[in-house]
Amino acid sequence: MRRRLFAAAAVAALLVACAAVPLAPRAPQPFDLVGRMLVTYSGGALTANTRWEHAPEQDQIWLMTPTGQTLAYIVDTPNGATLTSADQKQYRAGSVEALTRQALGWSLPLALMQYWVKGEPAPSSAPQGLERGPDSRPRALTQNGWRVAFAYYEDGPFAGRVRRLDLNDGANEIRVVVDNWRDAQP
């Protein structure tokens, strides 16, 4: 009986430790983007305006209504993630992925997206099925269970930057459209 309890406790500790391990290291280059997000998941759908401020030490994401009311404010640091909902209820978890799954019903792969939004595979694992366009930029890949399709700005001030990401993990579909992008100062 004692061995079973010890084994169960060891498995539980391992699962907790794995849940807190980030899917990718934090990207060092800061950026700030504004766009829109459409999420389709088993519990429904969400359309939101989005602002994402990425820095090496933390990410801040706002999901907002078209009129600017904040639906969710997410802060991700090396110590964990916090989500504050429109009714000021706070949720905490070891990662944004676990946090959004708990609070919103769908998983936002932020640790990977900080690379994908720059048109790069995340350095945590080798991508599968990497498809490149004639300009050698990624057009599609599968990484950590997510199928990612990339579309880029072809001209204008954001030429060469990601314009849209389409993510699918079989349970969730997330489309991120980038309307405005700027590199922040480190």
N, C-alpha and C. Protein backbone atom coordinates (compact mmCIF):
# COMPACT_ATOMS: atom_id res chain seq x y z
N MET A 1 0.83 -1.19 0.00
CA MET A 1 0.00 0.00 0.00
C MET A 1 0.87 1.26 0.00
N ARG A 2 1.92 1.24 0.84
CA ARG A 2 2.81 2.38 0.90
C ARG A 2 3.51 2.64 -0.42
N ARG A 3 3.90 1.54 -1.08
CA ARG A 3 4.57 1.68 -2.38
C ARG A 3 3.63 2.31 -3.41
N ARG A 4 2.38 1.91 -3.38
CA ARG A 4 1.41 2.48 -4.32
C ARG A 4 1.22 3.97 -4.06
N LEU A 5 1.12 4.36 -2.80
CA LEU A 5 0.98 5.78 -2.47
C LEU A 5 2.22 6.56 -2.89
N PHE A 6 3.38 5.99 -2.64
CA PHE A 6 4.62 6.65 -3.03
C PHE A 6 4.70 6.78 -4.55
N ALA A 7 4.34 5.71 -5.27
CA ALA A 7 4.37 5.74 -6.74
C ALA A 7 3.37 6.77 -7.26
N ALA A 8 2.18 6.81 -6.69
CA ALA A 8 1.18 7.80 -7.12
C ALA A 8 1.67 9.22 -6.86
N ALA A 9 2.29 9.43 -5.70
CA ALA A 9 2.82 10.76 -5.38
C ALA A 9 3.95 11.14 -6.34
N ALA A 10 4.80 10.18 -6.68
CA ALA A 10 5.90 10.46 -7.61
C ALA A 10 5.37 10.80 -9.00
N VAL A 11 4.37 10.08 -9.47
CA VAL A 11 3.77 10.36 -10.77
C VAL A 11 3.11 11.74 -10.75
N ALA A 12 2.39 12.06 -9.69
CA ALA A 12 1.75 13.37 -9.57
C ALA A 12 2.79 14.48 -9.57
N ALA A 13 3.88 14.30 -8.85
CA ALA A 13 4.95 15.32 -8.82
C ALA A 13 5.58 15.49 -10.19
N LEU A 14 5.76 14.39 -10.90
CA LEU A 14 6.32 14.47 -12.25
C LEU A 14 5.39 15.21 -13.19
N LEU A 15 4.10 14.93 -13.12
CA LEU A 15 3.14 15.63 -13.97
C LEU A 15 3.10 17.12 -13.67
N VAL A 16 3.15 17.50 -12.42
CA VAL A 16 3.18 18.91 -12.05
C VAL A 16 4.44 19.56 -12.58
N ALA A 17 5.57 18.90 -12.44
CA ALA A 17 6.84 19.46 -12.93
C ALA A 17 6.79 19.61 -14.45
N CYS A 18 6.25 18.63 -15.16
CA CYS A 18 6.17 18.73 -16.62
C CYS A 18 5.24 19.85 -17.04
N ALA A 19 4.17 20.07 -16.31
CA ALA A 19 3.23 21.11 -16.66
C ALA A 19 3.85 22.49 -16.56
N ALA A 20 4.84 22.66 -15.69
CA ALA A 20 5.46 23.96 -15.51
C ALA A 20 6.64 24.18 -16.44
N VAL A 21 7.09 23.14 -17.15
CA VAL A 21 8.20 23.28 -18.06
C VAL A 21 7.71 23.99 -19.32
N PRO A 22 8.34 25.11 -19.70
CA PRO A 22 7.86 25.82 -20.89
C PRO A 22 8.09 25.01 -22.15
N LEU A 23 7.22 25.21 -23.13
CA LEU A 23 7.35 24.50 -24.41
C LEU A 23 8.53 25.01 -25.21
N ALA A 24 8.99 26.23 -24.94
CA ALA A 24 10.13 26.82 -25.64
C ALA A 24 10.74 27.89 -24.74
N PRO A 25 12.03 28.16 -24.90
CA PRO A 25 12.63 29.24 -24.13
C PRO A 25 12.05 30.58 -24.57
N ARG A 26 12.11 31.55 -23.70
CA ARG A 26 11.58 32.87 -24.03
C ARG A 26 12.41 33.52 -25.13
N ALA A 27 11.74 34.05 -26.14
CA ALA A 27 12.42 34.74 -27.24
C ALA A 27 13.03 36.04 -26.71
N PRO A 28 14.29 36.30 -27.02
CA PRO A 28 14.96 37.47 -26.45
C PRO A 28 14.56 38.81 -27.07
N GLN A 29 14.10 38.82 -28.31
CA GLN A 29 13.80 40.09 -28.98
C GLN A 29 12.40 40.59 -28.62
N PRO A 30 12.29 41.77 -27.99
CA PRO A 30 10.96 42.30 -27.63
C PRO A 30 10.19 42.77 -28.87
N PHE A 31 8.87 42.67 -28.80
CA PHE A 31 8.01 43.19 -29.85
C PHE A 31 6.66 43.55 -29.25
N ASP A 32 5.92 44.30 -30.02
CA ASP A 32 4.58 44.74 -29.63
C ASP A 32 3.72 44.62 -30.88
N LEU A 33 2.63 43.90 -30.79
CA LEU A 33 1.76 43.80 -31.95
C LEU A 33 0.30 43.99 -31.56
N VAL A 34 -0.45 44.45 -32.54
CA VAL A 34 -1.89 44.66 -32.39
C VAL A 34 -2.55 43.90 -33.53
N GLY A 35 -3.63 43.21 -33.21
CA GLY A 35 -4.31 42.45 -34.25
C GLY A 35 -5.64 41.94 -33.78
N ARG A 36 -6.02 40.83 -34.38
CA ARG A 36 -7.30 40.19 -34.06
C ARG A 36 -7.08 38.70 -33.92
N MET A 37 -7.93 38.08 -33.12
CA MET A 37 -7.84 36.64 -32.89
C MET A 37 -9.23 36.03 -33.00
N LEU A 38 -9.29 34.93 -33.74
CA LEU A 38 -10.52 34.15 -33.84
C LEU A 38 -10.19 32.76 -33.33
N VAL A 39 -10.93 32.31 -32.33
CA VAL A 39 -10.69 31.00 -31.72
C VAL A 39 -11.96 30.18 -31.84
N THR A 40 -11.82 28.96 -32.36
CA THR A 40 -12.92 28.01 -32.39
C THR A 40 -12.48 26.81 -31.57
N TYR A 41 -13.28 26.43 -30.59
CA TYR A 41 -12.93 25.33 -29.69
C TYR A 41 -14.20 24.57 -29.34
N SER A 42 -14.05 23.47 -28.62
CA SER A 42 -15.19 22.60 -28.35
C SER A 42 -16.30 23.31 -27.57
N GLY A 43 -15.97 24.32 -26.81
CA GLY A 43 -16.99 25.04 -26.04
C GLY A 43 -17.60 26.21 -26.76
N GLY A 44 -17.13 26.52 -27.98
CA GLY A 44 -17.69 27.65 -28.71
C GLY A 44 -16.66 28.36 -29.56
N ALA A 45 -16.82 29.69 -29.63
CA ALA A 45 -15.92 30.51 -30.44
C ALA A 45 -15.72 31.85 -29.76
N LEU A 46 -14.61 32.47 -30.08
CA LEU A 46 -14.27 33.79 -29.53
C LEU A 46 -13.64 34.61 -30.64
N THR A 47 -14.09 35.83 -30.78
CA THR A 47 -13.45 36.79 -31.67
C THR A 47 -13.04 37.96 -30.79
N ALA A 48 -11.77 38.36 -30.89
CA ALA A 48 -11.29 39.43 -30.02
C ALA A 48 -10.22 40.25 -30.72
N ASN A 49 -10.20 41.53 -30.41
CA ASN A 49 -9.05 42.35 -30.75
C ASN A 49 -7.96 41.96 -29.78
N THR A 50 -6.71 42.06 -30.21
CA THR A 50 -5.60 41.57 -29.41
C THR A 50 -4.47 42.57 -29.40
N ARG A 51 -3.89 42.75 -28.24
CA ARG A 51 -2.62 43.46 -28.12
C ARG A 51 -1.67 42.53 -27.37
N TRP A 52 -0.46 42.40 -27.89
CA TRP A 52 0.53 41.51 -27.29
C TRP A 52 1.84 42.25 -27.17
N GLU A 53 2.30 42.44 -25.95
CA GLU A 53 3.60 43.02 -25.67
C GLU A 53 4.51 41.90 -25.18
N HIS A 54 5.55 41.62 -25.96
CA HIS A 54 6.49 40.56 -25.60
C HIS A 54 7.82 41.19 -25.19
N ALA A 55 8.35 40.77 -24.06
CA ALA A 55 9.68 41.16 -23.60
C ALA A 55 10.36 39.90 -23.09
N PRO A 56 11.68 39.89 -23.01
CA PRO A 56 12.36 38.68 -22.55
C PRO A 56 11.92 38.21 -21.16
N GLU A 57 11.47 39.15 -20.31
CA GLU A 57 11.09 38.76 -18.95
C GLU A 57 9.60 38.53 -18.75
N GLN A 58 8.75 38.99 -19.69
CA GLN A 58 7.32 38.74 -19.54
C GLN A 58 6.56 39.05 -20.82
N ASP A 59 5.38 38.45 -20.91
CA ASP A 59 4.43 38.75 -21.98
C ASP A 59 3.18 39.30 -21.34
N GLN A 60 2.57 40.26 -22.02
CA GLN A 60 1.27 40.78 -21.63
C GLN A 60 0.37 40.72 -22.86
N ILE A 61 -0.81 40.14 -22.68
CA ILE A 61 -1.76 40.01 -23.78
C ILE A 61 -3.12 40.49 -23.31
N TRP A 62 -3.73 41.32 -24.13
CA TRP A 62 -5.08 41.78 -23.88
C TRP A 62 -5.97 41.21 -24.97
N LEU A 63 -7.07 40.58 -24.58
CA LEU A 63 -8.12 40.14 -25.50
C LEU A 63 -9.29 41.08 -25.25
N MET A 64 -9.73 41.81 -26.29
CA MET A 64 -10.70 42.89 -26.10
C MET A 64 -11.87 42.76 -27.08
N THR A 65 -13.00 43.34 -26.68
CA THR A 65 -14.16 43.43 -27.56
C THR A 65 -13.86 44.47 -28.64
N PRO A 66 -14.68 44.53 -29.70
CA PRO A 66 -14.48 45.57 -30.72
C PRO A 66 -14.57 46.99 -30.17
N THR A 67 -15.26 47.18 -29.07
CA THR A 67 -15.37 48.51 -28.47
C THR A 67 -14.24 48.80 -27.48
N GLY A 68 -13.33 47.85 -27.29
CA GLY A 68 -12.17 48.09 -26.43
C GLY A 68 -12.27 47.59 -25.01
N GLN A 69 -13.38 46.95 -24.63
CA GLN A 69 -13.49 46.40 -23.28
C GLN A 69 -12.63 45.15 -23.17
N THR A 70 -11.84 45.07 -22.12
CA THR A 70 -10.96 43.92 -21.93
C THR A 70 -11.76 42.70 -21.49
N LEU A 71 -11.66 41.63 -22.28
CA LEU A 71 -12.28 40.35 -21.93
C LEU A 71 -11.35 39.55 -21.03
N ALA A 72 -10.05 39.60 -21.34
CA ALA A 72 -9.05 38.88 -20.55
C ALA A 72 -7.72 39.60 -20.68
N TYR A 73 -7.01 39.69 -19.57
CA TYR A 73 -5.67 40.26 -19.53
C TYR A 73 -4.76 39.17 -18.99
N ILE A 74 -3.77 38.79 -19.79
CA ILE A 74 -2.88 37.68 -19.45
C ILE A 74 -1.47 38.21 -19.26
N VAL A 75 -0.84 37.80 -18.17
CA VAL A 75 0.56 38.13 -17.92
C VAL A 75 1.30 36.81 -17.72
N ASP A 76 2.38 36.64 -18.49
CA ASP A 76 3.19 35.42 -18.40
C ASP A 76 4.61 35.81 -18.01
N THR A 77 5.11 35.21 -16.94
CA THR A 77 6.48 35.45 -16.47
C THR A 77 7.13 34.09 -16.24
N PRO A 78 8.44 34.06 -16.01
CA PRO A 78 9.07 32.79 -15.70
C PRO A 78 8.51 32.11 -14.45
N ASN A 79 7.81 32.87 -13.60
CA ASN A 79 7.23 32.32 -12.37
C ASN A 79 5.81 31.80 -12.55
N GLY A 80 5.25 31.93 -13.74
CA GLY A 80 3.89 31.46 -13.98
C GLY A 80 3.07 32.49 -14.70
N ALA A 81 1.80 32.17 -14.92
CA ALA A 81 0.91 33.02 -15.69
C ALA A 81 -0.33 33.37 -14.88
N THR A 82 -0.85 34.58 -15.14
CA THR A 82 -2.06 35.06 -14.48
C THR A 82 -3.01 35.58 -15.55
N LEU A 83 -4.28 35.27 -15.41
CA LEU A 83 -5.31 35.80 -16.29
C LEU A 83 -6.33 36.52 -15.43
N THR A 84 -6.64 37.75 -15.79
CA THR A 84 -7.69 38.51 -15.13
C THR A 84 -8.82 38.66 -16.12
N SER A 85 -10.01 38.19 -15.75
CA SER A 85 -11.17 38.23 -16.65
C SER A 85 -11.88 39.58 -16.54
N ALA A 86 -12.86 39.80 -17.40
CA ALA A 86 -13.62 41.06 -17.42
C ALA A 86 -14.27 41.34 -16.07
N ASP A 87 -14.66 40.30 -15.35
CA ASP A 87 -15.28 40.49 -14.03
C ASP A 87 -14.25 40.53 -12.90
N GLN A 88 -12.97 40.71 -13.25
CA GLN A 88 -11.84 40.85 -12.33
C GLN A 88 -11.50 39.56 -11.57
N LYS A 89 -12.03 38.44 -12.00
CA LYS A 89 -11.66 37.16 -11.41
C LYS A 89 -10.27 36.80 -11.92
N GLN A 90 -9.40 36.32 -11.03
CA GLN A 90 -8.04 35.97 -11.41
C GLN A 90 -7.83 34.46 -11.39
N TYR A 91 -7.09 34.01 -12.40
CA TYR A 91 -6.71 32.61 -12.52
C TYR A 91 -5.18 32.57 -12.59
N ARG A 92 -4.60 31.51 -12.04
CA ARG A 92 -3.15 31.34 -12.06
C ARG A 92 -2.81 29.92 -12.48
N ALA A 93 -1.69 29.80 -13.22
CA ALA A 93 -1.21 28.48 -13.63
C ALA A 93 0.27 28.60 -13.95
N GLY A 94 0.91 27.46 -14.15
CA GLY A 94 2.33 27.43 -14.44
C GLY A 94 2.68 27.89 -15.85
N SER A 95 1.70 27.87 -16.77
CA SER A 95 1.94 28.28 -18.15
C SER A 95 0.67 28.91 -18.72
N VAL A 96 0.84 29.70 -19.78
CA VAL A 96 -0.32 30.29 -20.45
C VAL A 96 -1.18 29.20 -21.06
N GLU A 97 -0.56 28.15 -21.56
CA GLU A 97 -1.31 27.05 -22.16
C GLU A 97 -2.28 26.44 -21.15
N ALA A 98 -1.77 26.13 -19.96
CA ALA A 98 -2.63 25.56 -18.91
C ALA A 98 -3.64 26.59 -18.42
N LEU A 99 -3.21 27.83 -18.30
CA LEU A 99 -4.07 28.90 -17.80
C LEU A 99 -5.26 29.14 -18.71
N THR A 100 -5.02 29.29 -20.01
CA THR A 100 -6.14 29.55 -20.92
C THR A 100 -7.06 28.33 -21.04
N ARG A 101 -6.49 27.16 -20.97
CA ARG A 101 -7.33 25.94 -20.98
C ARG A 101 -8.26 25.95 -19.77
N GLN A 102 -7.72 26.32 -18.59
CA GLN A 102 -8.50 26.35 -17.35
C GLN A 102 -9.53 27.48 -17.36
N ALA A 103 -9.12 28.68 -17.73
CA ALA A 103 -9.99 29.85 -17.59
C ALA A 103 -10.89 30.10 -18.79
N LEU A 104 -10.42 29.76 -20.00
CA LEU A 104 -11.17 30.09 -21.20
C LEU A 104 -11.72 28.89 -21.95
N GLY A 105 -11.20 27.69 -21.65
CA GLY A 105 -11.68 26.48 -22.30
C GLY A 105 -10.91 26.10 -23.55
N TRP A 106 -9.86 26.83 -23.87
CA TRP A 106 -9.01 26.52 -25.03
C TRP A 106 -7.57 26.88 -24.68
N SER A 107 -6.66 26.26 -25.39
CA SER A 107 -5.24 26.41 -25.09
C SER A 107 -4.56 27.37 -26.06
N LEU A 108 -3.93 28.41 -25.53
CA LEU A 108 -3.16 29.37 -26.33
C LEU A 108 -1.69 29.00 -26.20
N PRO A 109 -1.05 28.51 -27.29
CA PRO A 109 0.34 28.07 -27.21
C PRO A 109 1.34 29.23 -27.28
N LEU A 110 1.28 30.11 -26.32
CA LEU A 110 2.07 31.35 -26.33
C LEU A 110 3.57 31.10 -26.40
N ALA A 111 4.07 30.10 -25.70
CA ALA A 111 5.51 29.82 -25.69
C ALA A 111 6.01 29.54 -27.10
N LEU A 112 5.19 28.93 -27.92
CA LEU A 112 5.56 28.63 -29.31
C LEU A 112 5.24 29.81 -30.23
N MET A 113 4.13 30.48 -29.96
CA MET A 113 3.70 31.58 -30.81
C MET A 113 4.69 32.74 -30.83
N GLN A 114 5.46 32.92 -29.75
CA GLN A 114 6.43 34.03 -29.75
C GLN A 114 7.47 33.85 -30.85
N TYR A 115 7.65 32.65 -31.35
CA TYR A 115 8.54 32.39 -32.49
C TYR A 115 7.74 32.37 -33.80
N TRP A 116 6.60 31.67 -33.78
CA TRP A 116 5.80 31.55 -34.99
C TRP A 116 5.40 32.91 -35.53
N VAL A 117 5.06 33.86 -34.65
CA VAL A 117 4.62 35.17 -35.10
C VAL A 117 5.76 35.93 -35.80
N LYS A 118 6.98 35.46 -35.61
CA LYS A 118 8.12 36.06 -36.31
C LYS A 118 8.50 35.22 -37.54
N GLY A 119 7.69 34.20 -37.86
CA GLY A 119 7.97 33.37 -39.03
C GLY A 119 9.06 32.36 -38.80
N GLU A 120 9.23 31.90 -37.57
CA GLU A 120 10.29 30.95 -37.22
C GLU A 120 9.70 29.75 -36.49
N PRO A 121 10.26 28.56 -36.69
CA PRO A 121 9.90 27.44 -35.82
C PRO A 121 10.44 27.71 -34.42
N ALA A 122 9.75 27.24 -33.40
CA ALA A 122 10.25 27.38 -32.03
C ALA A 122 11.47 26.48 -31.87
N PRO A 123 12.47 26.92 -31.11
CA PRO A 123 13.71 26.14 -30.98
C PRO A 123 13.60 24.93 -30.07
N SER A 124 12.44 24.70 -29.47
CA SER A 124 12.30 23.62 -28.48
C SER A 124 12.31 22.23 -29.09
N SER A 125 11.81 22.09 -30.31
CA SER A 125 11.75 20.77 -30.95
C SER A 125 11.76 20.96 -32.46
N ALA A 126 12.22 19.95 -33.16
CA ALA A 126 12.27 20.03 -34.62
C ALA A 126 10.86 20.02 -35.19
N PRO A 127 10.57 20.94 -36.10
CA PRO A 127 9.23 20.94 -36.71
C PRO A 127 9.09 19.78 -37.69
N GLN A 128 7.89 19.30 -37.84
CA GLN A 128 7.56 18.25 -38.81
C GLN A 128 6.93 18.92 -40.02
N GLY A 129 7.08 18.32 -41.17
CA GLY A 129 6.39 18.80 -42.37
C GLY A 129 6.63 20.26 -42.68
N LEU A 130 7.83 20.74 -42.48
CA LEU A 130 8.15 22.14 -42.74
C LEU A 130 8.08 22.41 -44.24
N GLU A 131 7.19 23.31 -44.61
CA GLU A 131 7.03 23.71 -46.01
C GLU A 131 7.51 25.15 -46.13
N ARG A 132 8.39 25.40 -47.10
CA ARG A 132 8.90 26.75 -47.33
C ARG A 132 8.42 27.26 -48.68
N GLY A 133 8.21 28.56 -48.74
CA GLY A 133 7.83 29.20 -50.00
C GLY A 133 9.07 29.48 -50.83
N PRO A 134 8.88 30.06 -52.03
CA PRO A 134 10.02 30.36 -52.90
C PRO A 134 11.01 31.34 -52.26
N ASP A 135 10.54 32.12 -51.30
CA ASP A 135 11.41 33.07 -50.60
C ASP A 135 12.10 32.42 -49.39
N SER A 136 11.94 31.12 -49.22
CA SER A 136 12.49 30.28 -48.15
C SER A 136 11.88 30.52 -46.77
N ARG A 137 10.85 31.38 -46.68
CA ARG A 137 10.15 31.56 -45.40
C ARG A 137 9.20 30.38 -45.17
N PRO A 138 9.01 29.99 -43.91
CA PRO A 138 8.06 28.91 -43.63
C PRO A 138 6.64 29.28 -44.09
N ARG A 139 5.98 28.35 -44.75
CA ARG A 139 4.58 28.51 -45.13
C ARG A 139 3.68 27.65 -44.26
N ALA A 140 4.23 26.52 -43.77
CA ALA A 140 3.47 25.63 -42.89
C ALA A 140 4.45 24.71 -42.16
N LEU A 141 4.03 24.29 -40.98
CA LEU A 141 4.81 23.33 -40.21
C LEU A 141 3.91 22.72 -39.15
N THR A 142 4.36 21.62 -38.59
CA THR A 142 3.69 21.02 -37.44
C THR A 142 4.73 20.96 -36.33
N GLN A 143 4.35 21.47 -35.15
CA GLN A 143 5.28 21.49 -34.02
C GLN A 143 4.50 21.35 -32.72
N ASN A 144 4.97 20.44 -31.87
CA ASN A 144 4.35 20.19 -30.57
C ASN A 144 2.83 19.97 -30.68
N GLY A 145 2.41 19.27 -31.74
CA GLY A 145 0.99 18.95 -31.90
C GLY A 145 0.17 20.02 -32.60
N TRP A 146 0.77 21.14 -32.94
CA TRP A 146 0.06 22.22 -33.62
C TRP A 146 0.46 22.26 -35.09
N ARG A 147 -0.53 22.33 -35.97
CA ARG A 147 -0.30 22.59 -37.39
C ARG A 147 -0.40 24.10 -37.57
N VAL A 148 0.63 24.71 -38.15
CA VAL A 148 0.71 26.16 -38.28
C VAL A 148 0.85 26.52 -39.75
N ALA A 149 -0.01 27.43 -40.23
CA ALA A 149 0.11 27.98 -41.58
C ALA A 149 0.43 29.47 -41.44
N PHE A 150 1.38 29.93 -42.25
CA PHE A 150 1.85 31.32 -42.19
C PHE A 150 1.43 32.07 -43.45
N ALA A 151 1.04 33.32 -43.29
CA ALA A 151 0.85 34.24 -44.42
C ALA A 151 1.63 35.51 -44.07
N TYR A 152 2.26 36.12 -45.06
CA TYR A 152 3.15 37.25 -44.82
C TYR A 152 2.67 38.50 -45.54
N TYR A 153 3.04 39.66 -44.99
CA TYR A 153 2.87 40.91 -45.70
C TYR A 153 3.85 40.90 -46.86
N GLU A 154 3.38 41.21 -48.05
CA GLU A 154 4.25 41.21 -49.22
C GLU A 154 4.85 42.58 -49.49
N ASP A 155 4.17 43.65 -49.06
CA ASP A 155 4.70 45.00 -49.29
C ASP A 155 4.27 45.91 -48.14
N GLY A 156 4.66 47.17 -48.23
CA GLY A 156 4.32 48.13 -47.20
C GLY A 156 5.30 48.09 -46.04
N PRO A 157 4.97 48.78 -44.96
CA PRO A 157 5.92 48.90 -43.84
C PRO A 157 6.19 47.59 -43.11
N PHE A 158 5.33 46.58 -43.28
CA PHE A 158 5.53 45.30 -42.60
C PHE A 158 5.95 44.19 -43.56
N ALA A 159 6.43 44.56 -44.75
CA ALA A 159 6.82 43.57 -45.75
C ALA A 159 7.76 42.53 -45.15
N GLY A 160 7.43 41.26 -45.39
CA GLY A 160 8.24 40.16 -44.88
C GLY A 160 7.83 39.68 -43.50
N ARG A 161 7.01 40.45 -42.81
CA ARG A 161 6.54 40.03 -41.47
C ARG A 161 5.31 39.14 -41.61
N VAL A 162 5.05 38.37 -40.56
CA VAL A 162 3.85 37.52 -40.54
C VAL A 162 2.61 38.41 -40.48
N ARG A 163 1.69 38.15 -41.39
CA ARG A 163 0.41 38.86 -41.42
C ARG A 163 -0.67 38.04 -40.73
N ARG A 164 -0.58 36.70 -40.88
CA ARG A 164 -1.60 35.82 -40.30
C ARG A 164 -1.00 34.48 -39.95
N LEU A 165 -1.43 33.96 -38.81
CA LEU A 165 -1.11 32.59 -38.38
C LEU A 165 -2.41 31.83 -38.26
N ASP A 166 -2.45 30.63 -38.82
CA ASP A 166 -3.59 29.73 -38.63
C ASP A 166 -3.07 28.51 -37.89
N LEU A 167 -3.58 28.31 -36.67
CA LEU A 167 -3.13 27.22 -35.81
C LEU A 167 -4.25 26.21 -35.63
N ASN A 168 -3.87 24.92 -35.60
CA ASN A 168 -4.87 23.87 -35.38
C ASN A 168 -4.19 22.72 -34.65
N ASP A 169 -4.76 22.33 -33.51
CA ASP A 169 -4.22 21.18 -32.77
C ASP A 169 -5.21 20.02 -32.73
N GLY A 170 -6.23 20.08 -33.56
CA GLY A 170 -7.25 19.03 -33.58
C GLY A 170 -8.44 19.37 -32.71
N ALA A 171 -8.23 20.06 -31.60
CA ALA A 171 -9.32 20.46 -30.71
C ALA A 171 -9.60 21.96 -30.79
N ASN A 172 -8.58 22.73 -31.13
CA ASN A 172 -8.69 24.19 -31.17
C ASN A 172 -8.22 24.69 -32.53
N GLU A 173 -8.89 25.71 -33.03
CA GLU A 173 -8.42 26.44 -34.20
C GLU A 173 -8.26 27.89 -33.79
N ILE A 174 -7.09 28.44 -34.05
CA ILE A 174 -6.81 29.82 -33.67
C ILE A 174 -6.27 30.54 -34.90
N ARG A 175 -6.88 31.65 -35.24
CA ARG A 175 -6.37 32.50 -36.31
C ARG A 175 -5.95 33.82 -35.66
N VAL A 176 -4.71 34.19 -35.92
CA VAL A 176 -4.17 35.46 -35.43
C VAL A 176 -3.85 36.32 -36.65
N VAL A 177 -4.45 37.49 -36.72
CA VAL A 177 -4.19 38.44 -37.80
C VAL A 177 -3.45 39.62 -37.18
N VAL A 178 -2.27 39.93 -37.73
CA VAL A 178 -1.46 41.03 -37.22
C VAL A 178 -1.74 42.27 -38.05
N ASP A 179 -2.25 43.31 -37.40
CA ASP A 179 -2.56 44.56 -38.08
C ASP A 179 -1.44 45.58 -37.94
N ASN A 180 -0.71 45.52 -36.84
CA ASN A 180 0.35 46.49 -36.58
C ASN A 180 1.45 45.81 -35.78
N TRP A 181 2.68 46.09 -36.15
CA TRP A 181 3.82 45.42 -35.53
C TRP A 181 4.92 46.44 -35.30
N ARG A 182 5.57 46.35 -34.16
CA ARG A 182 6.78 47.15 -33.97
C ARG A 182 7.74 46.39 -33.08
N ASP A 183 9.01 46.52 -33.41
CA ASP A 183 10.04 45.97 -32.55
C ASP A 183 10.21 46.92 -31.39
N ALA A 184 10.15 46.40 -30.20
CA ALA A 184 10.31 47.22 -29.00
C ALA A 184 11.79 47.32 -28.66
N GLN A 185 12.13 48.27 -27.84
CA GLN A 185 13.51 48.42 -27.40
C GLN A 185 13.79 47.41 -26.30
N PRO A 186 14.99 46.76 -26.35
CA PRO A 186 15.31 45.78 -25.30
C PRO A 186 15.51 46.43 -23.96
